[in-house]
C-alpha atoms as a PDB file:
ATOM      1  CA  UNK A   1       0.000   0.000   0.000  1.00  0.00           C
ATOM      2  CA  UNK A   2       1.382   3.403  -0.896  1.00  0.00           C
ATOM      3  CA  UNK A   3       0.079   6.859  -0.261  1.00  0.00           C
ATOM      4  CA  UNK A   4       1.112  10.417  -0.892  1.00  0.00           C
ATOM      5  CA  UNK A   5       0.816  13.179   1.654  1.00  0.00           C
ATOM      6  CA  UNK A   6      -0.834  16.281   0.187  1.00  0.00           C
ATOM      7  CA  UNK A   7       0.138  19.318   2.224  1.00  0.00           C
ATOM      8  CA  UNK A   8      -2.534  21.925   2.817  1.00  0.00           C
ATOM      9  CA  UNK A   9       0.222  24.521   2.513  1.00  0.00           C
ATOM     10  CA  UNK A  10       1.217  25.914  -0.878  1.00  0.00           C
ATOM     11  CA  UNK A  11       4.909  25.225  -0.134  1.00  0.00           C
ATOM     12  CA  UNK A  12       6.723  22.416  -1.865  1.00  0.00           C
ATOM     13  CA  UNK A  13       8.664  20.804   0.970  1.00  0.00           C
ATOM     14  CA  UNK A  14      11.773  18.938  -0.195  1.00  0.00           C
ATOM     15  CA  UNK A  15      12.354  15.382   1.026  1.00  0.00           C
ATOM     16  CA  UNK A  16      14.458  14.936   4.145  1.00  0.00           C
ATOM     17  CA  UNK A  17      16.507  12.160   5.683  1.00  0.00           C
ATOM     18  CA  UNK A  18      16.190  11.739   9.456  1.00  0.00           C
ATOM     19  CA  UNK A  19      18.883   9.871  11.389  1.00  0.00           C
ATOM     20  CA  UNK A  20      18.275   8.708  14.962  1.00  0.00           C
ATOM     21  CA  UNK A  21      21.415   7.963  16.984  1.00  0.00           C
ATOM     22  CA  UNK A  22      20.653   5.271  19.536  1.00  0.00           C
ATOM     23  CA  UNK A  23      24.088   4.319  20.853  1.00  0.00           C
ATOM     24  CA  UNK A  24      25.888   7.600  21.632  1.00  0.00           C
ATOM     25  CA  UNK A  25      27.152   6.403  25.027  1.00  0.00           C
ATOM     26  CA  UNK A  26      28.552   3.204  23.475  1.00  0.00           C
ATOM     27  CA  UNK A  27      30.383   5.194  20.804  1.00  0.00           C
ATOM     28  CA  UNK A  28      31.929   7.532  23.388  1.00  0.00           C
ATOM     29  CA  UNK A  29      32.917   4.547  25.552  1.00  0.00           C
ATOM     30  CA  UNK A  30      34.558   2.795  22.591  1.00  0.00           C
ATOM     31  CA  UNK A  31      36.441   5.922  21.520  1.00  0.00           C
ATOM     32  CA  UNK A  32      37.313   7.391  24.903  1.00  0.00           C
ATOM     33  CA  UNK A  33      37.103   4.459  27.305  1.00  0.00           C
ATOM     34  CA  UNK A  34      34.449   3.245  29.730  1.00  0.00           C
ATOM     35  CA  UNK A  35      35.880   5.229  32.642  1.00  0.00           C
ATOM     36  CA  UNK A  36      35.583   8.548  30.779  1.00  0.00           C
ATOM     37  CA  UNK A  37      32.089   7.623  29.571  1.00  0.00           C
ATOM     38  CA  UNK A  38      30.943   6.914  33.120  1.00  0.00           C
ATOM     39  CA  UNK A  39      31.826  10.510  34.126  1.00  0.00           C
ATOM     40  CA  UNK A  40      30.043  12.200  31.215  1.00  0.00           C
ATOM     41  CA  UNK A  41      26.299  12.833  31.148  1.00  0.00           C
ATOM     42  CA  UNK A  42      24.315  11.155  28.365  1.00  0.00           C
ATOM     43  CA  UNK A  43      23.388  14.548  26.893  1.00  0.00           C
ATOM     44  CA  UNK A  44      27.083  15.381  26.435  1.00  0.00           C
ATOM     45  CA  UNK A  45      27.590  12.019  24.732  1.00  0.00           C
ATOM     46  CA  UNK A  46      24.701  12.602  22.324  1.00  0.00           C
ATOM     47  CA  UNK A  47      25.808  16.152  21.511  1.00  0.00           C
ATOM     48  CA  UNK A  48      29.408  15.078  20.853  1.00  0.00           C
ATOM     49  CA  UNK A  49      28.401  12.152  18.621  1.00  0.00           C
ATOM     50  CA  UNK A  50      25.932  14.370  16.722  1.00  0.00           C
ATOM     51  CA  UNK A  51      28.588  17.044  16.160  1.00  0.00           C
ATOM     52  CA  UNK A  52      31.099  14.518  14.831  1.00  0.00           C
ATOM     53  CA  UNK A  53      28.434  12.900  12.636  1.00  0.00           C
ATOM     54  CA  UNK A  54      27.392  16.263  11.197  1.00  0.00           C
ATOM     55  CA  UNK A  55      31.002  17.111  10.370  1.00  0.00           C
ATOM     56  CA  UNK A  56      31.590  13.738   8.679  1.00  0.00           C
ATOM     57  CA  UNK A  57      28.274  13.889   6.781  1.00  0.00           C
ATOM     58  CA  UNK A  58      29.057  17.349   5.439  1.00  0.00           C
ATOM     59  CA  UNK A  59      32.545  16.251   4.350  1.00  0.00           C
ATOM     60  CA  UNK A  60      31.225  13.187   2.499  1.00  0.00           C
ATOM     61  CA  UNK A  61      28.217  14.881   0.928  1.00  0.00           C
ATOM     62  CA  UNK A  62      30.363  17.791  -0.277  1.00  0.00           C
ATOM     63  CA  UNK A  63      32.753  15.315  -1.927  1.00  0.00           C
ATOM     64  CA  UNK A  64      29.760  13.955  -3.855  1.00  0.00           C
ATOM     65  CA  UNK A  65      28.731  17.462  -4.936  1.00  0.00           C
ATOM     66  CA  UNK A  66      25.603  17.431  -2.786  1.00  0.00           C
ATOM     67  CA  UNK A  67      24.499  20.666  -1.137  1.00  0.00           C
ATOM     68  CA  UNK A  68      21.913  21.157   1.571  1.00  0.00           C
ATOM     69  CA  UNK A  69      21.474  21.625   5.295  1.00  0.00           C
ATOM     70  CA  UNK A  70      22.079  19.465   8.357  1.00  0.00           C
ATOM     71  CA  UNK A  71      20.515  20.059  11.758  1.00  0.00           C
ATOM     72  CA  UNK A  72      20.590  18.387  15.157  1.00  0.00           C
ATOM     73  CA  UNK A  73      17.036  18.726  16.460  1.00  0.00           C
ATOM     74  CA  UNK A  74      15.513  18.024  19.869  1.00  0.00           C
ATOM     75  CA  UNK A  75      11.821  17.312  20.288  1.00  0.00           C
ATOM     76  CA  UNK A  76      11.183  14.511  17.821  1.00  0.00           C
ATOM     77  CA  UNK A  77      11.841  10.800  17.557  1.00  0.00           C
ATOM     78  CA  UNK A  78      11.114   7.847  15.304  1.00  0.00           C
ATOM     79  CA  UNK A  79       9.129   4.867  16.529  1.00  0.00           C
ATOM     80  CA  UNK A  80       7.637   2.068  14.434  1.00  0.00           C
ATOM     81  CA  UNK A  81       7.979   3.969  11.130  1.00  0.00           C
ATOM     82  CA  UNK A  82       6.413   7.102  12.595  1.00  0.00           C
ATOM     83  CA  UNK A  83       8.015  10.465  13.208  1.00  0.00           C
ATOM     84  CA  UNK A  84       6.749  11.717  16.581  1.00  0.00           C
ATOM     85  CA  UNK A  85       7.016  15.461  17.147  1.00  0.00           C
ATOM     86  CA  UNK A  86       6.663  17.178  20.511  1.00  0.00           C
ATOM     87  CA  UNK A  87       4.944  20.535  20.848  1.00  0.00           C
ATOM     88  CA  UNK A  88       8.272  22.356  20.714  1.00  0.00           C
ATOM     89  CA  UNK A  89      11.242  21.620  18.493  1.00  0.00           C
ATOM     90  CA  UNK A  90      14.699  22.946  19.309  1.00  0.00           C
ATOM     91  CA  UNK A  91      17.459  23.156  16.699  1.00  0.00           C
ATOM     92  CA  UNK A  92      20.683  22.581  18.643  1.00  0.00           C
ATOM     93  CA  UNK A  93      23.088  22.677  15.700  1.00  0.00           C
ATOM     94  CA  UNK A  94      22.515  23.797  12.088  1.00  0.00           C
ATOM     95  CA  UNK A  95      24.869  24.040   9.118  1.00  0.00           C
ATOM     96  CA  UNK A  96      24.579  24.714   5.398  1.00  0.00           C
ATOM     97  CA  UNK A  97      26.919  22.876   3.056  1.00  0.00           C
END
């Protein structure tokens, strides 16, 4: 079964790719060691992994000649093929490339 979402707004929204990082603490522990990871709050781990991922994504996409925007956003998640959005979204990090 396929369907197409018809926006009630006259804007033509471009497609987006959403990436959910689910193992930030494990990545920090593997890179920095379990002892260091145990002293850092989970939010720091997520922010650090997101920042590194954004940098690497921009580098690779630019090499392919792709331009666009990347943002680290708080207030939404993916569950069972659904994008769940809270009342407020917060853009923590945003870059054009």
